[in-house]
């Protein structure tokens, strides 16, 4: 914005500053969010021993639903 403020025509149309910024940020996010999702892994793993320490109630639920507790569980980190 500081670079654009040097131009007289841009300073004259002050009412368009906010819509222009929203448009630029929207275009940037439209391109960069899918790129970031493609570059960084979305799948993560967690050991059940860690679940037992941090979430004992959830661990008990897993233990009740399965005969054999897996060593690792996988989940989608999402955005």
C-alpha atoms as a PDB file:
ATOM      1  CA  UNK A   1       0.000   0.000   0.000  1.00  0.00           C
ATOM      2  CA  UNK A   2       2.845   2.410   0.747  1.00  0.00           C
ATOM      3  CA  UNK A   3       4.196   1.919  -2.743  1.00  0.00           C
ATOM      4  CA  UNK A   4       0.772   2.570  -4.262  1.00  0.00           C
ATOM      5  CA  UNK A   5       0.288   5.675  -2.094  1.00  0.00           C
ATOM      6  CA  UNK A   6       3.049   7.358  -4.099  1.00  0.00           C
ATOM      7  CA  UNK A   7       0.728   7.523  -7.105  1.00  0.00           C
ATOM      8  CA  UNK A   8      -1.592  10.520  -7.196  1.00  0.00           C
ATOM      9  CA  UNK A   9      -4.387   8.579  -8.893  1.00  0.00           C
ATOM     10  CA  UNK A  10      -4.442   5.980  -6.109  1.00  0.00           C
ATOM     11  CA  UNK A  11      -4.448   8.619  -3.355  1.00  0.00           C
ATOM     12  CA  UNK A  12      -7.348  10.381  -5.040  1.00  0.00           C
ATOM     13  CA  UNK A  13      -9.558   7.268  -4.832  1.00  0.00           C
ATOM     14  CA  UNK A  14      -9.279   6.714  -1.065  1.00  0.00           C
ATOM     15  CA  UNK A  15     -12.661   4.982  -0.930  1.00  0.00           C
ATOM     16  CA  UNK A  16     -11.234   2.093  -2.982  1.00  0.00           C
ATOM     17  CA  UNK A  17      -8.343   1.330  -0.608  1.00  0.00           C
ATOM     18  CA  UNK A  18     -10.243  -1.196   1.539  1.00  0.00           C
ATOM     19  CA  UNK A  19     -11.867  -3.091  -1.381  1.00  0.00           C
ATOM     20  CA  UNK A  20      -8.506  -3.180  -3.154  1.00  0.00           C
ATOM     21  CA  UNK A  21      -6.790  -4.666  -0.092  1.00  0.00           C
ATOM     22  CA  UNK A  22      -9.538  -7.269   0.328  1.00  0.00           C
ATOM     23  CA  UNK A  23      -9.212  -8.223  -3.346  1.00  0.00           C
ATOM     24  CA  UNK A  24      -5.420  -8.565  -3.145  1.00  0.00           C
ATOM     25  CA  UNK A  25      -5.524 -10.624   0.068  1.00  0.00           C
ATOM     26  CA  UNK A  26      -8.321 -12.806  -1.341  1.00  0.00           C
ATOM     27  CA  UNK A  27      -6.319 -13.547  -4.491  1.00  0.00           C
ATOM     28  CA  UNK A  28      -3.231 -14.293  -2.419  1.00  0.00           C
ATOM     29  CA  UNK A  29      -5.115 -16.718  -0.162  1.00  0.00           C
ATOM     30  CA  UNK A  30      -6.833 -18.370  -3.135  1.00  0.00           C
ATOM     31  CA  UNK A  31      -3.421 -19.312  -4.497  1.00  0.00           C
ATOM     32  CA  UNK A  32      -1.404 -19.929  -1.337  1.00  0.00           C
ATOM     33  CA  UNK A  33      -3.766 -22.049   0.804  1.00  0.00           C
ATOM     34  CA  UNK A  34      -4.004 -24.920  -1.730  1.00  0.00           C
ATOM     35  CA  UNK A  35      -0.253 -24.637  -2.303  1.00  0.00           C
ATOM     36  CA  UNK A  36       0.446 -24.928   1.419  1.00  0.00           C
ATOM     37  CA  UNK A  37      -1.927 -27.894   1.722  1.00  0.00           C
ATOM     38  CA  UNK A  38      -0.088 -29.601  -1.121  1.00  0.00           C
ATOM     39  CA  UNK A  39       3.387 -28.937   0.283  1.00  0.00           C
ATOM     40  CA  UNK A  40       2.855 -29.898   3.910  1.00  0.00           C
ATOM     41  CA  UNK A  41       1.642 -33.354   4.942  1.00  0.00           C
ATOM     42  CA  UNK A  42      -1.937 -33.500   6.180  1.00  0.00           C
ATOM     43  CA  UNK A  43      -1.681 -36.953   7.726  1.00  0.00           C
ATOM     44  CA  UNK A  44      -0.126 -37.294  11.177  1.00  0.00           C
ATOM     45  CA  UNK A  45       0.450 -40.132  13.588  1.00  0.00           C
ATOM     46  CA  UNK A  46       0.174 -40.339  17.349  1.00  0.00           C
ATOM     47  CA  UNK A  47       1.234 -43.132  19.663  1.00  0.00           C
ATOM     48  CA  UNK A  48      -1.441 -44.583  21.882  1.00  0.00           C
ATOM     49  CA  UNK A  49       0.891 -44.299  24.871  1.00  0.00           C
ATOM     50  CA  UNK A  50       0.789 -40.523  24.424  1.00  0.00           C
ATOM     51  CA  UNK A  51      -3.008 -40.653  24.213  1.00  0.00           C
ATOM     52  CA  UNK A  52      -2.998 -42.641  27.456  1.00  0.00           C
ATOM     53  CA  UNK A  53      -1.003 -39.872  29.178  1.00  0.00           C
ATOM     54  CA  UNK A  54      -2.813 -36.859  27.748  1.00  0.00           C
ATOM     55  CA  UNK A  55      -6.372 -38.128  27.159  1.00  0.00           C
ATOM     56  CA  UNK A  56      -7.066 -41.040  29.532  1.00  0.00           C
ATOM     57  CA  UNK A  57     -10.826 -40.961  28.869  1.00  0.00           C
ATOM     58  CA  UNK A  58     -10.306 -41.243  25.118  1.00  0.00           C
ATOM     59  CA  UNK A  59      -7.786 -44.040  25.654  1.00  0.00           C
ATOM     60  CA  UNK A  60     -10.346 -45.987  27.672  1.00  0.00           C
ATOM     61  CA  UNK A  61     -12.869 -45.508  24.879  1.00  0.00           C
ATOM     62  CA  UNK A  62     -10.370 -46.939  22.381  1.00  0.00           C
ATOM     63  CA  UNK A  63      -9.628 -49.844  24.722  1.00  0.00           C
ATOM     64  CA  UNK A  64     -13.327 -50.679  25.078  1.00  0.00           C
ATOM     65  CA  UNK A  65     -13.997 -50.600  21.319  1.00  0.00           C
ATOM     66  CA  UNK A  66     -11.018 -52.676  20.169  1.00  0.00           C
ATOM     67  CA  UNK A  67      -9.621 -56.048  21.165  1.00  0.00           C
ATOM     68  CA  UNK A  68      -6.048 -55.064  20.438  1.00  0.00           C
ATOM     69  CA  UNK A  69      -4.943 -51.441  20.920  1.00  0.00           C
ATOM     70  CA  UNK A  70      -2.816 -50.257  17.990  1.00  0.00           C
ATOM     71  CA  UNK A  71       0.612 -48.823  18.654  1.00  0.00           C
ATOM     72  CA  UNK A  72      -0.011 -45.832  16.392  1.00  0.00           C
ATOM     73  CA  UNK A  73      -3.151 -44.046  15.290  1.00  0.00           C
ATOM     74  CA  UNK A  74      -3.341 -41.810  12.237  1.00  0.00           C
ATOM     75  CA  UNK A  75      -5.403 -38.680  11.802  1.00  0.00           C
ATOM     76  CA  UNK A  76      -5.882 -35.837   9.357  1.00  0.00           C
ATOM     77  CA  UNK A  77      -4.467 -32.577  10.711  1.00  0.00           C
ATOM     78  CA  UNK A  78      -6.677 -30.529   8.446  1.00  0.00           C
ATOM     79  CA  UNK A  79      -6.183 -26.826   8.000  1.00  0.00           C
END
